Amino acid sequence: MQVTFMHKDACTLCDEAWETLERVAKDIDFDVVRVNILEDEEAYERWWQDIPVILINGEEHAHWFLKEAEFRDALLATREKEQASNETD
């Protein structure tokens, strides 16, 4: 499972979201890709008004604020779907 964290430097909301993401990562295993939108023109064009943005497996989960309980629930639901998919393969 991959979580993409769209952010930029000097962004208080980004710092808060990152802290939440780190807390959750202590309990739930996932890969994190950090994307600084100021270093990625395509990401900037798409996300500049919404950062921080959190994607789970490429799907937008949250922007501006990352609510810990909702994030945990979404990750666990994604994990269950992945496990069910692997069982049917």
C-alpha atoms as a PDB file:
ATOM      1  CA  MET A   1       0.000   0.000   0.000  1.00  0.00           C
ATOM      2  CA  GLN A   2       1.386   3.388  -0.952  1.00  0.00           C
ATOM      3  CA  VAL A   3       0.623   6.766   0.558  1.00  0.00           C
ATOM      4  CA  THR A   4       1.662   9.834  -1.403  1.00  0.00           C
ATOM      5  CA  PHE A   5       2.156  13.009   0.594  1.00  0.00           C
ATOM      6  CA  MET A   6       1.978  16.202  -1.474  1.00  0.00           C
ATOM      7  CA  HIS A   7       3.486  19.132   0.411  1.00  0.00           C
ATOM      8  CA  LYS A   8       5.678  22.204   0.249  1.00  0.00           C
ATOM      9  CA  ASP A   9       8.171  23.821   2.616  1.00  0.00           C
ATOM     10  CA  ALA A  10       6.994  26.375   5.184  1.00  0.00           C
ATOM     11  CA  CYS A  11       3.474  24.947   5.277  1.00  0.00           C
ATOM     12  CA  THR A  12       1.974  24.565   8.755  1.00  0.00           C
ATOM     13  CA  LEU A  13      -0.872  22.356   7.535  1.00  0.00           C
ATOM     14  CA  CYS A  14       1.697  20.131   5.810  1.00  0.00           C
ATOM     15  CA  ASP A  15       3.692  19.822   9.023  1.00  0.00           C
ATOM     16  CA  GLU A  16       0.577  18.862  10.976  1.00  0.00           C
ATOM     17  CA  ALA A  17      -0.484  16.309   8.367  1.00  0.00           C
ATOM     18  CA  TRP A  18       3.017  14.795   8.333  1.00  0.00           C
ATOM     19  CA  GLU A  19       2.933  14.389  12.114  1.00  0.00           C
ATOM     20  CA  THR A  20      -0.401  12.574  11.826  1.00  0.00           C
ATOM     21  CA  LEU A  21       0.945  10.374   9.048  1.00  0.00           C
ATOM     22  CA  GLU A  22       3.992   9.467  11.142  1.00  0.00           C
ATOM     23  CA  ARG A  23       1.818   8.525  14.142  1.00  0.00           C
ATOM     24  CA  VAL A  24      -0.334   6.243  12.025  1.00  0.00           C
ATOM     25  CA  ALA A  25       2.733   4.697  10.366  1.00  0.00           C
ATOM     26  CA  LYS A  26       3.815   3.358  13.764  1.00  0.00           C
ATOM     27  CA  ASP A  27       0.748   1.071  13.752  1.00  0.00           C
ATOM     28  CA  ILE A  28      -0.036   0.436  10.089  1.00  0.00           C
ATOM     29  CA  ASP A  29       2.548  -0.556   7.490  1.00  0.00           C
ATOM     30  CA  PHE A  30       2.582   1.454   4.254  1.00  0.00           C
ATOM     31  CA  ASP A  31       5.114   2.971   1.870  1.00  0.00           C
ATOM     32  CA  VAL A  32       5.341   6.766   1.724  1.00  0.00           C
ATOM     33  CA  VAL A  33       6.251   8.887  -1.258  1.00  0.00           C
ATOM     34  CA  ARG A  34       6.867  12.543  -0.414  1.00  0.00           C
ATOM     35  CA  VAL A  35       6.335  14.997  -3.262  1.00  0.00           C
ATOM     36  CA  ASN A  36       7.322  18.632  -2.797  1.00  0.00           C
ATOM     37  CA  ILE A  37       5.050  20.384  -5.276  1.00  0.00           C
ATOM     38  CA  LEU A  38       7.579  23.208  -5.676  1.00  0.00           C
ATOM     39  CA  GLU A  39       9.968  20.660  -7.202  1.00  0.00           C
ATOM     40  CA  ASP A  40       7.424  18.894  -9.411  1.00  0.00           C
ATOM     41  CA  GLU A  41       5.693  21.048 -12.026  1.00  0.00           C
ATOM     42  CA  GLU A  42       2.933  18.524 -12.757  1.00  0.00           C
ATOM     43  CA  ALA A  43       2.143  18.078  -9.058  1.00  0.00           C
ATOM     44  CA  TYR A  44       2.159  21.847  -8.595  1.00  0.00           C
ATOM     45  CA  GLU A  45      -0.325  22.402 -11.419  1.00  0.00           C
ATOM     46  CA  ARG A  46      -2.674  19.768 -10.010  1.00  0.00           C
ATOM     47  CA  TRP A  47      -2.400  20.308  -6.251  1.00  0.00           C
ATOM     48  CA  TRP A  48      -1.129  23.835  -5.434  1.00  0.00           C
ATOM     49  CA  GLN A  49      -4.430  25.011  -3.940  1.00  0.00           C
ATOM     50  CA  ASP A  50      -5.089  21.877  -1.905  1.00  0.00           C
ATOM     51  CA  ILE A  51      -1.871  20.985  -0.090  1.00  0.00           C
ATOM     52  CA  PRO A  52      -1.245  19.040   1.898  1.00  0.00           C
ATOM     53  CA  VAL A  53      -2.787  16.265  -0.166  1.00  0.00           C
ATOM     54  CA  ILE A  54      -2.732  12.614   0.851  1.00  0.00           C
ATOM     55  CA  LEU A  55      -3.270   9.878  -1.729  1.00  0.00           C
ATOM     56  CA  ILE A  56      -3.752   6.219  -0.884  1.00  0.00           C
ATOM     57  CA  ASN A  57      -2.748   4.010  -3.809  1.00  0.00           C
ATOM     58  CA  GLY A  58      -3.159   7.001  -6.116  1.00  0.00           C
ATOM     59  CA  GLU A  59      -6.641   7.935  -4.911  1.00  0.00           C
ATOM     60  CA  GLU A  60      -7.157  11.212  -3.056  1.00  0.00           C
ATOM     61  CA  HIS A  61      -7.926  10.601   0.589  1.00  0.00           C
ATOM     62  CA  ALA A  62      -7.608  14.089   2.086  1.00  0.00           C
ATOM     63  CA  HIS A  63      -6.462  17.614   1.481  1.00  0.00           C
ATOM     64  CA  TRP A  64      -5.806  20.551   3.825  1.00  0.00           C
ATOM     65  CA  PHE A  65      -6.428  18.473   6.974  1.00  0.00           C
ATOM     66  CA  LEU A  66      -5.604  14.839   7.713  1.00  0.00           C
ATOM     67  CA  LYS A  67      -7.959  13.397  10.312  1.00  0.00           C
ATOM     68  CA  GLU A  68      -6.187  10.560  12.059  1.00  0.00           C
ATOM     69  CA  ALA A  69      -9.169   8.266  12.697  1.00  0.00           C
ATOM     70  CA  GLU A  70     -10.434   8.596   9.116  1.00  0.00           C
ATOM     71  CA  PHE A  71      -6.931   8.008   7.750  1.00  0.00           C
ATOM     72  CA  ARG A  72      -6.515   4.850   9.846  1.00  0.00           C
ATOM     73  CA  ASP A  73      -9.917   3.565   8.725  1.00  0.00           C
ATOM     74  CA  ALA A  74      -9.121   4.235   5.070  1.00  0.00           C
ATOM     75  CA  LEU A  75      -5.769   2.464   5.309  1.00  0.00           C
ATOM     76  CA  LEU A  76      -7.301  -0.570   7.018  1.00  0.00           C
ATOM     77  CA  ALA A  77     -10.088  -0.724   4.429  1.00  0.00           C
ATOM     78  CA  THR A  78      -7.519  -0.509   1.618  1.00  0.00           C
ATOM     79  CA  ARG A  79      -5.473  -3.275   3.225  1.00  0.00           C
ATOM     80  CA  GLU A  80      -8.570  -5.497   3.469  1.00  0.00           C
ATOM     81  CA  LYS A  81      -9.365  -4.922  -0.207  1.00  0.00           C
ATOM     82  CA  GLU A  82      -5.787  -5.745  -1.183  1.00  0.00           C
ATOM     83  CA  GLN A  83      -5.832  -8.925   0.881  1.00  0.00           C
ATOM     84  CA  ALA A  84      -9.188 -10.007  -0.571  1.00  0.00           C
ATOM     85  CA  SER A  85      -7.881  -9.326  -4.082  1.00  0.00           C
ATOM     86  CA  ASN A  86      -4.767 -11.401  -3.407  1.00  0.00           C
ATOM     87  CA  GLU A  87      -6.894 -14.315  -2.129  1.00  0.00           C
ATOM     88  CA  THR A  88      -8.925 -14.437  -5.353  1.00  0.00           C
ATOM     89  CA  ASP A  89      -5.872 -14.280  -7.634  1.00  0.00           C
END
